Amino acid sequence: MKPVGAGTVNYVADWIGEVLDDLIGQIDQNIVVETSIDPKLQNIAEAAVIDELAAKSVKFNVSQGALVAMTTTARCAPWSAAATTAESQYIAR
C-alpha cells in the first residue's frame, strides 16, 4: 500500500509493534499480523483529514486532526491522522 500524505499506515504498524508484547508475549521469530485495516479506506480517510485541515485549521486554530471509523461490527476500519508521530504522542492511538 502506498501511503498518502502523512503515511498513516506507519502509525498502524508502530501501534501494533507497541502492543504485541502485551498481547502475545516476547516475539523471537517472524510472525504475520493481520488487521482489519482496509488500505483503500485508509487512503480515503487520510485524504479527508488532510483536506479538512487544509480548509479549517486556521479558522479553528488547529494543526492536527484524526479520524477513526468503525464498521457496524465494531471493527476499526481506517485510521487517519495528519501529523507525524514525532509531532504528537496522540496520533492514531
PDB file of N, CA and C in Angstrom:
ATOM      1  N   MET A   1       0.857  -1.169   0.000  1.00  0.00           N
ATOM      2  CA  MET A   1       0.000   0.000   0.000  1.00  0.00           C
ATOM      3  C   MET A   1       0.898   1.226   0.000  1.00  0.00           C
ATOM      4  N   LYS A   2       0.634   2.157  -0.874  1.00  0.00           N
ATOM      5  CA  LYS A   2       1.374   3.405  -0.942  1.00  0.00           C
ATOM      6  C   LYS A   2       0.690   4.435  -0.060  1.00  0.00           C
ATOM      7  N   PRO A   3       1.378   4.910   1.006  1.00  0.00           N
ATOM      8  CA  PRO A   3       0.761   5.887   1.895  1.00  0.00           C
ATOM      9  C   PRO A   3       0.513   7.216   1.196  1.00  0.00           C
ATOM     10  N   VAL A   4      -0.552   7.904   1.590  1.00  0.00           N
ATOM     11  CA  VAL A   4      -0.880   9.230   1.102  1.00  0.00           C
ATOM     12  C   VAL A   4      -0.499  10.221   2.183  1.00  0.00           C
ATOM     13  N   GLY A   5       0.015  11.352   1.816  1.00  0.00           N
ATOM     14  CA  GLY A   5       0.275  12.408   2.784  1.00  0.00           C
ATOM     15  C   GLY A   5       1.164  11.985   3.930  1.00  0.00           C
ATOM     16  N   ALA A   6       0.621  12.005   5.132  1.00  0.00           N
ATOM     17  CA  ALA A   6       1.405  11.729   6.328  1.00  0.00           C
ATOM     18  C   ALA A   6       1.754  10.255   6.481  1.00  0.00           C
ATOM     19  N   GLY A   7       1.161   9.379   5.703  1.00  0.00           N
ATOM     20  CA  GLY A   7       1.509   7.967   5.759  1.00  0.00           C
ATOM     21  C   GLY A   7       0.996   7.250   6.986  1.00  0.00           C
ATOM     22  N   THR A   8      -0.305   7.259   7.205  1.00  0.00           N
ATOM     23  CA  THR A   8      -0.860   6.678   8.425  1.00  0.00           C
ATOM     24  C   THR A   8      -0.666   5.184   8.539  1.00  0.00           C
ATOM     25  N   VAL A   9      -0.365   4.517   7.429  1.00  0.00           N
ATOM     26  CA  VAL A   9      -0.082   3.094   7.540  1.00  0.00           C
ATOM     27  C   VAL A   9       1.075   2.870   8.516  1.00  0.00           C
ATOM     28  N   ASN A  10       1.990   3.810   8.581  1.00  0.00           N
ATOM     29  CA  ASN A  10       3.105   3.701   9.511  1.00  0.00           C
ATOM     30  C   ASN A  10       2.649   3.809  10.961  1.00  0.00           C
ATOM     31  N   TYR A  11       1.625   4.631  11.226  1.00  0.00           N
ATOM     32  CA  TYR A  11       1.091   4.746  12.579  1.00  0.00           C
ATOM     33  C   TYR A  11       0.521   3.406  13.041  1.00  0.00           C
ATOM     34  N   VAL A  12      -0.191   2.750  12.152  1.00  0.00           N
ATOM     35  CA  VAL A  12      -0.795   1.463  12.491  1.00  0.00           C
ATOM     36  C   VAL A  12       0.293   0.450  12.790  1.00  0.00           C
ATOM     37  N   ALA A  13       1.303   0.380  11.941  1.00  0.00           N
ATOM     38  CA  ALA A  13       2.403  -0.564  12.157  1.00  0.00           C
ATOM     39  C   ALA A  13       3.123  -0.266  13.469  1.00  0.00           C
ATOM     40  N   ASP A  14       3.366   1.004  13.769  1.00  0.00           N
ATOM     41  CA  ASP A  14       4.004   1.380  15.035  1.00  0.00           C
ATOM     42  C   ASP A  14       3.172   0.937  16.230  1.00  0.00           C
ATOM     43  N   TRP A  15       1.859   1.190  16.168  1.00  0.00           N
ATOM     44  CA  TRP A  15       0.975   0.826  17.274  1.00  0.00           C
ATOM     45  C   TRP A  15       0.951  -0.681  17.478  1.00  0.00           C
ATOM     46  N   ILE A  16       0.864  -1.426  16.395  1.00  0.00           N
ATOM     47  CA  ILE A  16       0.862  -2.888  16.506  1.00  0.00           C
ATOM     48  C   ILE A  16       2.147  -3.353  17.172  1.00  0.00           C
ATOM     49  N   GLY A  17       3.260  -2.793  16.759  1.00  0.00           N
ATOM     50  CA  GLY A  17       4.536  -3.156  17.374  1.00  0.00           C
ATOM     51  C   GLY A  17       4.561  -2.882  18.867  1.00  0.00           C
ATOM     52  N   GLU A  18       3.915  -1.791  19.280  1.00  0.00           N
ATOM     53  CA  GLU A  18       3.882  -1.431  20.699  1.00  0.00           C
ATOM     54  C   GLU A  18       3.035  -2.387  21.537  1.00  0.00           C
ATOM     55  N   VAL A  19       1.949  -2.896  20.981  1.00  0.00           N
ATOM     56  CA  VAL A  19       1.029  -3.707  21.780  1.00  0.00           C
ATOM     57  C   VAL A  19       1.254  -5.212  21.665  1.00  0.00           C
ATOM     58  N   LEU A  20       2.051  -5.652  20.706  1.00  0.00           N
ATOM     59  CA  LEU A  20       2.221  -7.091  20.516  1.00  0.00           C
ATOM     60  C   LEU A  20       2.777  -7.804  21.740  1.00  0.00           C
ATOM     61  N   ASP A  21       3.778  -7.226  22.397  1.00  0.00           N
ATOM     62  CA  ASP A  21       4.340  -7.874  23.589  1.00  0.00           C
ATOM     63  C   ASP A  21       3.274  -8.132  24.645  1.00  0.00           C
ATOM     64  N   ASP A  22       2.393  -7.152  24.852  1.00  0.00           N
ATOM     65  CA  ASP A  22       1.328  -7.322  25.847  1.00  0.00           C
ATOM     66  C   ASP A  22       0.312  -8.386  25.418  1.00  0.00           C
ATOM     67  N   LEU A  23       0.101  -8.505  24.118  1.00  0.00           N
ATOM     68  CA  LEU A  23      -0.904  -9.442  23.620  1.00  0.00           C
ATOM     69  C   LEU A  23      -0.404 -10.881  23.542  1.00  0.00           C
ATOM     70  N   ILE A  24       0.824 -11.067  23.052  1.00  0.00           N
ATOM     71  CA  ILE A  24       1.292 -12.442  22.838  1.00  0.00           C
ATOM     72  C   ILE A  24       2.635 -12.751  23.488  1.00  0.00           C
ATOM     73  N   GLY A  25       3.203 -11.803  24.208  1.00  0.00           N
ATOM     74  CA  GLY A  25       4.489 -12.044  24.851  1.00  0.00           C
ATOM     75  C   GLY A  25       5.647 -11.736  23.917  1.00  0.00           C
ATOM     76  N   GLN A  26       6.835 -12.055  24.391  1.00  0.00           N
ATOM     77  CA  GLN A  26       8.048 -11.763  23.622  1.00  0.00           C
ATOM     78  C   GLN A  26       8.043 -12.553  22.309  1.00  0.00           C
ATOM     79  N   ILE A  27       8.457 -11.889  21.249  1.00  0.00           N
ATOM     80  CA  ILE A  27       8.476 -12.499  19.924  1.00  0.00           C
ATOM     81  C   ILE A  27       9.926 -12.813  19.572  1.00  0.00           C
ATOM     82  N   ASP A  28      10.221 -14.094  19.333  1.00  0.00           N
ATOM     83  CA  ASP A  28      11.589 -14.473  18.977  1.00  0.00           C
ATOM     84  C   ASP A  28      11.669 -15.148  17.612  1.00  0.00           C
ATOM     85  N   GLN A  29      10.627 -14.950  16.818  1.00  0.00           N
ATOM     86  CA  GLN A  29      10.613 -15.472  15.455  1.00  0.00           C
ATOM     87  C   GLN A  29       9.749 -14.562  14.593  1.00  0.00           C
ATOM     88  N   ASN A  30       9.826 -14.727  13.286  1.00  0.00           N
ATOM     89  CA  ASN A  30       8.987 -13.932  12.387  1.00  0.00           C
ATOM     90  C   ASN A  30       7.526 -14.326  12.562  1.00  0.00           C
ATOM     91  N   ILE A  31       6.657 -13.324  12.547  1.00  0.00           N
ATOM     92  CA  ILE A  31       5.220 -13.572  12.641  1.00  0.00           C
ATOM     93  C   ILE A  31       4.496 -12.747  11.579  1.00  0.00           C
ATOM     94  N   VAL A  32       3.266 -13.119  11.303  1.00  0.00           N
ATOM     95  CA  VAL A  32       2.403 -12.360  10.410  1.00  0.00           C
ATOM     96  C   VAL A  32       1.247 -11.836  11.250  1.00  0.00           C
ATOM     97  N   VAL A  33       0.990 -10.547  11.153  1.00  0.00           N
ATOM     98  CA  VAL A  33      -0.117  -9.925  11.875  1.00  0.00           C
ATOM     99  C   VAL A  33      -1.132  -9.438  10.844  1.00  0.00           C
ATOM    100  N   GLU A  34      -2.359  -9.909  10.960  1.00  0.00           N
ATOM    101  CA  GLU A  34      -3.432  -9.462  10.080  1.00  0.00           C
ATOM    102  C   GLU A  34      -4.299  -8.461  10.828  1.00  0.00           C
ATOM    103  N   THR A  35      -4.679  -7.394  10.144  1.00  0.00           N
ATOM    104  CA  THR A  35      -5.539  -6.376  10.753  1.00  0.00           C
ATOM    105  C   THR A  35      -6.805  -6.222   9.922  1.00  0.00           C
ATOM    106  N   SER A  36      -7.755  -5.482  10.462  1.00  0.00           N
ATOM    107  CA  SER A  36      -8.976  -5.182   9.728  1.00  0.00           C
ATOM    108  C   SER A  36      -8.859  -3.856   8.980  1.00  0.00           C
ATOM    109  N   ILE A  37      -7.665  -3.277   8.950  1.00  0.00           N
ATOM    110  CA  ILE A  37      -7.457  -2.011   8.250  1.00  0.00           C
ATOM    111  C   ILE A  37      -7.568  -2.248   6.746  1.00  0.00           C
ATOM    112  N   ASP A  38      -8.420  -1.490   6.090  1.00  0.00           N
ATOM    113  CA  ASP A  38      -8.615  -1.593   4.649  1.00  0.00           C
ATOM    114  C   ASP A  38      -7.765  -0.507   3.985  1.00  0.00           C
ATOM    115  N   PRO A  39      -6.758  -0.892   3.189  1.00  0.00           N
ATOM    116  CA  PRO A  39      -5.853   0.116   2.603  1.00  0.00           C
ATOM    117  C   PRO A  39      -6.564   1.182   1.776  1.00  0.00           C
ATOM    118  N   LYS A  40      -7.592   0.804   1.027  1.00  0.00           N
ATOM    119  CA  LYS A  40      -8.315   1.783   0.207  1.00  0.00           C
ATOM    120  C   LYS A  40      -9.040   2.795   1.103  1.00  0.00           C
ATOM    121  N   LEU A  41      -9.740   2.297   2.129  1.00  0.00           N
ATOM    122  CA  LEU A  41     -10.418   3.198   3.067  1.00  0.00           C
ATOM    123  C   LEU A  41      -9.412   4.043   3.839  1.00  0.00           C
ATOM    124  N   GLN A  42      -8.267   3.453   4.155  1.00  0.00           N
ATOM    125  CA  GLN A  42      -7.204   4.170   4.861  1.00  0.00           C
ATOM    126  C   GLN A  42      -6.777   5.400   4.065  1.00  0.00           C
ATOM    127  N   ASN A  43      -6.539   5.218   2.780  1.00  0.00           N
ATOM    128  CA  ASN A  43      -6.116   6.333   1.936  1.00  0.00           C
ATOM    129  C   ASN A  43      -7.212   7.389   1.805  1.00  0.00           C
ATOM    130  N   ILE A  44      -8.458   6.958   1.689  1.00  0.00           N
ATOM    131  CA  ILE A  44      -9.586   7.897   1.599  1.00  0.00           C
ATOM    132  C   ILE A  44      -9.708   8.700   2.899  1.00  0.00           C
ATOM    133  N   ALA A  45      -9.595   8.023   4.026  1.00  0.00           N
ATOM    134  CA  ALA A  45      -9.703   8.695   5.320  1.00  0.00           C
ATOM    135  C   ALA A  45      -8.573   9.694   5.514  1.00  0.00           C
ATOM    136  N   GLU A  46      -7.382   9.296   5.150  1.00  0.00           N
ATOM    137  CA  GLU A  46      -6.254  10.205   5.312  1.00  0.00           C
ATOM    138  C   GLU A  46      -6.425  11.450   4.440  1.00  0.00           C
ATOM    139  N   ALA A  47      -6.860  11.261   3.211  1.00  0.00           N
ATOM    140  CA  ALA A  47      -7.089  12.403   2.324  1.00  0.00           C
ATOM    141  C   ALA A  47      -8.172  13.323   2.900  1.00  0.00           C
ATOM    142  N   ALA A  48      -9.216  12.739   3.498  1.00  0.00           N
ATOM    143  CA  ALA A  48     -10.301  13.542   4.087  1.00  0.00           C
ATOM    144  C   ALA A  48      -9.784  14.395   5.244  1.00  0.00           C
ATOM    145  N   VAL A  49      -8.945  13.812   6.085  1.00  0.00           N
ATOM    146  CA  VAL A  49      -8.397  14.570   7.219  1.00  0.00           C
ATOM    147  C   VAL A  49      -7.491  15.689   6.715  1.00  0.00           C
ATOM    148  N   ILE A  50      -6.650  15.390   5.748  1.00  0.00           N
ATOM    149  CA  ILE A  50      -5.758  16.408   5.193  1.00  0.00           C
ATOM    150  C   ILE A  50      -6.570  17.542   4.570  1.00  0.00           C
ATOM    151  N   ASP A  51      -7.617  17.198   3.824  1.00  0.00           N
ATOM    152  CA  ASP A  51      -8.469  18.215   3.198  1.00  0.00           C
ATOM    153  C   ASP A  51      -9.167  19.091   4.247  1.00  0.00           C
ATOM    154  N   GLU A  52      -9.695  18.472   5.293  1.00  0.00           N
ATOM    155  CA  GLU A  52     -10.375  19.237   6.349  1.00  0.00           C
ATOM    156  C   GLU A  52      -9.405  20.173   7.054  1.00  0.00           C
ATOM    157  N   LEU A  53      -8.202  19.683   7.334  1.00  0.00           N
ATOM    158  CA  LEU A  53      -7.218  20.551   7.973  1.00  0.00           C
ATOM    159  C   LEU A  53      -6.841  21.704   7.063  1.00  0.00           C
ATOM    160  N   ALA A  54      -6.672  21.427   5.788  1.00  0.00           N
ATOM    161  CA  ALA A  54      -6.325  22.493   4.847  1.00  0.00           C
ATOM    162  C   ALA A  54      -7.419  23.556   4.811  1.00  0.00           C
ATOM    163  N   ALA A  55      -8.661  23.126   4.895  1.00  0.00           N
ATOM    164  CA  ALA A  55      -9.793  24.055   4.804  1.00  0.00           C
ATOM    165  C   ALA A  55     -10.100  24.775   6.116  1.00  0.00           C
ATOM    166  N   LYS A  56      -9.839  24.132   7.262  1.00  0.00           N
ATOM    167  CA  LYS A  56     -10.360  24.677   8.523  1.00  0.00           C
ATOM    168  C   LYS A  56      -9.336  24.880   9.628  1.00  0.00           C
ATOM    169  N   SER A  57      -8.082  24.519   9.408  1.00  0.00           N
ATOM    170  CA  SER A  57      -7.112  24.588  10.506  1.00  0.00           C
ATOM    171  C   SER A  57      -6.898  26.016  11.009  1.00  0.00           C
ATOM    172  N   VAL A  58      -6.860  26.981  10.113  1.00  0.00           N
ATOM    173  CA  VAL A  58      -6.659  28.366  10.530  1.00  0.00           C
ATOM    174  C   VAL A  58      -7.880  28.872  11.292  1.00  0.00           C
ATOM    175  N   LYS A  59      -9.065  28.625  10.755  1.00  0.00           N
ATOM    176  CA  LYS A  59     -10.297  29.094  11.391  1.00  0.00           C
ATOM    177  C   LYS A  59     -10.443  28.566  12.815  1.00  0.00           C
ATOM    178  N   PHE A  60     -10.102  27.300  13.032  1.00  0.00           N
ATOM    179  CA  PHE A  60     -10.279  26.685  14.345  1.00  0.00           C
ATOM    180  C   PHE A  60      -8.980  26.606  15.147  1.00  0.00           C
ATOM    181  N   ASN A  61      -7.913  27.209  14.603  1.00  0.00           N
ATOM    182  CA  ASN A  61      -6.620  27.253  15.284  1.00  0.00           C
ATOM    183  C   ASN A  61      -6.136  25.856  15.700  1.00  0.00           C
ATOM    184  N   VAL A  62      -6.154  24.927  14.750  1.00  0.00           N
ATOM    185  CA  VAL A  62      -5.671  23.573  14.993  1.00  0.00           C
ATOM    186  C   VAL A  62      -4.615  23.222  13.956  1.00  0.00           C
ATOM    187  N   SER A  63      -3.711  22.325  14.328  1.00  0.00           N
ATOM    188  CA  SER A  63      -2.665  21.910  13.401  1.00  0.00           C
ATOM    189  C   SER A  63      -2.673  20.406  13.164  1.00  0.00           C
ATOM    190  N   GLN A  64      -3.561  19.703  13.853  1.00  0.00           N
ATOM    191  CA  GLN A  64      -3.627  18.257  13.720  1.00  0.00           C
ATOM    192  C   GLN A  64      -5.086  17.818  13.668  1.00  0.00           C
ATOM    193  N   GLY A  65      -5.307  16.670  13.053  1.00  0.00           N
ATOM    194  CA  GLY A  65      -6.639  16.106  13.023  1.00  0.00           C
ATOM    195  C   GLY A  65      -6.541  14.601  12.977  1.00  0.00           C
ATOM    196  N   ALA A  66      -7.594  13.936  13.343  1.00  0.00           N
ATOM    197  CA  ALA A  66      -7.595  12.473  13.324  1.00  0.00           C
ATOM    198  C   ALA A  66      -8.992  11.977  13.003  1.00  0.00           C
ATOM    199  N   LEU A  67      -9.052  10.755  12.503  1.00  0.00           N
ATOM    200  CA  LEU A  67     -10.316  10.120  12.165  1.00  0.00           C
ATOM    201  C   LEU A  67     -10.201   8.642  12.495  1.00  0.00           C
ATOM    202  N   VAL A  68     -11.183   8.134  13.193  1.00  0.00           N
ATOM    203  CA  VAL A  68     -11.287   6.696  13.420  1.00  0.00           C
ATOM    204  C   VAL A  68     -12.687   6.298  12.979  1.00  0.00           C
ATOM    205  N   ALA A  69     -12.794   5.354  12.070  1.00  0.00           N
ATOM    206  CA  ALA A  69     -14.092   4.898  11.567  1.00  0.00           C
ATOM    207  C   ALA A  69     -14.301   3.453  12.007  1.00  0.00           C
ATOM    208  N   MET A  70     -15.502   3.166  12.461  1.00  0.00           N
ATOM    209  CA  MET A  70     -15.826   1.810  12.902  1.00  0.00           C
ATOM    210  C   MET A  70     -16.854   1.201  11.958  1.00  0.00           C
ATOM    211  N   THR A  71     -16.743  -0.090  11.747  1.00  0.00           N
ATOM    212  CA  THR A  71     -17.752  -0.793  10.973  1.00  0.00           C
ATOM    213  C   THR A  71     -18.939  -1.104  11.880  1.00  0.00           C
ATOM    214  N   THR A  72     -19.997  -1.636  11.323  1.00  0.00           N
ATOM    215  CA  THR A  72     -21.165  -1.993  12.140  1.00  0.00           C
ATOM    216  C   THR A  72     -20.872  -3.166  13.064  1.00  0.00           C
ATOM    217  N   THR A  73     -19.773  -3.871  12.836  1.00  0.00           N
ATOM    218  CA  THR A  73     -19.379  -4.969  13.725  1.00  0.00           C
ATOM    219  C   THR A  73     -18.286  -4.536  14.688  1.00  0.00           C
ATOM    220  N   ALA A  74     -18.084  -3.224  14.798  1.00  0.00           N
ATOM    221  CA  ALA A  74     -17.129  -2.615  15.733  1.00  0.00           C
ATOM    222  C   ALA A  74     -15.674  -2.884  15.387  1.00  0.00           C
ATOM    223  N   ARG A  75     -15.399  -3.203  14.133  1.00  0.00           N
ATOM    224  CA  ARG A  75     -14.010  -3.291  13.705  1.00  0.00           C
ATOM    225  C   ARG A  75     -13.530  -1.879  13.408  1.00  0.00           C
ATOM    226  N   CYS A  76     -12.269  -1.645  13.687  1.00  0.00           N
ATOM    227  CA  CYS A  76     -11.673  -0.377  13.300  1.00  0.00           C
ATOM    228  C   CYS A  76     -11.377  -0.449  11.816  1.00  0.00           C
ATOM    229  N   ALA A  77     -11.952   0.449  11.045  1.00  0.00           N
ATOM    230  CA  ALA A  77     -11.736   0.446   9.592  1.00  0.00           C
ATOM    231  C   ALA A  77     -10.501   1.291   9.295  1.00  0.00           C
ATOM    232  N   PRO A  78     -10.614   2.534   8.843  1.00  0.00           N
ATOM    233  CA  PRO A  78      -9.383   3.302   8.628  1.00  0.00           C
ATOM    234  C   PRO A  78      -8.974   4.086   9.865  1.00  0.00           C
ATOM    235  N   TRP A  79      -7.712   4.244  10.013  1.00  0.00           N
ATOM    236  CA  TRP A  79      -7.143   5.180  10.977  1.00  0.00           C
ATOM    237  C   TRP A  79      -6.529   6.265  10.157  1.00  0.00           C
ATOM    238  N   SER A  80      -6.670   7.475  10.559  1.00  0.00           N
ATOM    239  CA  SER A  80      -6.023   8.531   9.813  1.00  0.00           C
ATOM    240  C   SER A  80      -5.652   9.668  10.733  1.00  0.00           C
ATOM    241  N   ALA A  81      -4.544  10.296  10.400  1.00  0.00           N
ATOM    242  CA  ALA A  81      -4.084  11.461  11.133  1.00  0.00           C
ATOM    243  C   ALA A  81      -3.263  12.318  10.191  1.00  0.00           C
ATOM    244  N   ALA A  82      -3.233  13.586  10.429  1.00  0.00           N
ATOM    245  CA  ALA A  82      -2.470  14.484   9.570  1.00  0.00           C
ATOM    246  C   ALA A  82      -1.400  15.187  10.381  1.00  0.00           C
ATOM    247  N   ALA A  83      -0.479  14.436  10.864  1.00  0.00           N
ATOM    248  CA  ALA A  83       0.719  14.921  11.545  1.00  0.00           C
ATOM    249  C   ALA A  83       1.616  13.710  11.691  1.00  0.00           C
ATOM    250  N   THR A  84       2.863  13.908  12.027  1.00  0.00           N
ATOM    251  CA  THR A  84       3.743  12.761  12.205  1.00  0.00           C
ATOM    252  C   THR A  84       3.758  12.339  13.656  1.00  0.00           C
ATOM    253  N   THR A  85       4.148  11.112  13.925  1.00  0.00           N
ATOM    254  CA  THR A  85       4.211  10.667  15.320  1.00  0.00           C
ATOM    255  C   THR A  85       5.221  11.480  16.083  1.00  0.00           C
ATOM    256  N   ALA A  86       6.218  12.037  15.405  1.00  0.00           N
ATOM    257  CA  ALA A  86       7.185  12.890  16.072  1.00  0.00           C
ATOM    258  C   ALA A  86       6.538  14.182  16.566  1.00  0.00           C
ATOM    259  N   GLU A  87       5.477  14.626  15.891  1.00  0.00           N
ATOM    260  CA  GLU A  87       4.803  15.860  16.263  1.00  0.00           C
ATOM    261  C   GLU A  87       3.832  15.682  17.422  1.00  0.00           C
ATOM    262  N   SER A  88       3.288  14.488  17.593  1.00  0.00           N
ATOM    263  CA  SER A  88       2.287  14.288  18.628  1.00  0.00           C
ATOM    264  C   SER A  88       2.304  12.859  19.129  1.00  0.00           C
ATOM    265  N   GLN A  89       2.280  12.707  20.436  1.00  0.00           N
ATOM    266  CA  GLN A  89       2.213  11.363  21.008  1.00  0.00           C
ATOM    267  C   GLN A  89       0.811  10.774  20.913  1.00  0.00           C
ATOM    268  N   TYR A  90      -0.177  11.569  20.487  1.00  0.00           N
ATOM    269  CA  TYR A  90      -1.554  11.123  20.474  1.00  0.00           C
ATOM    270  C   TYR A  90      -2.042  10.677  19.101  1.00  0.00           C
ATOM    271  N   ILE A  91      -1.204  10.733  18.095  1.00  0.00           N
ATOM    272  CA  ILE A  91      -1.636  10.409  16.744  1.00  0.00           C
ATOM    273  C   ILE A  91      -1.959   8.919  16.621  1.00  0.00           C
ATOM    274  N   ALA A  92      -3.128   8.636  16.089  1.00  0.00           N
ATOM    275  CA  ALA A  92      -3.561   7.281  15.735  1.00  0.00           C
ATOM    276  C   ALA A  92      -3.392   6.285  16.850  1.00  0.00           C
ATOM    277  N   ARG A  93      -3.779   6.625  18.042  1.00  0.00           N
ATOM    278  CA  ARG A  93      -3.685   5.687  19.173  1.00  0.00           C
ATOM    279  C   ARG A  93      -5.064   5.471  19.732  1.00  0.00           C
TER     280      ARG A  93
END
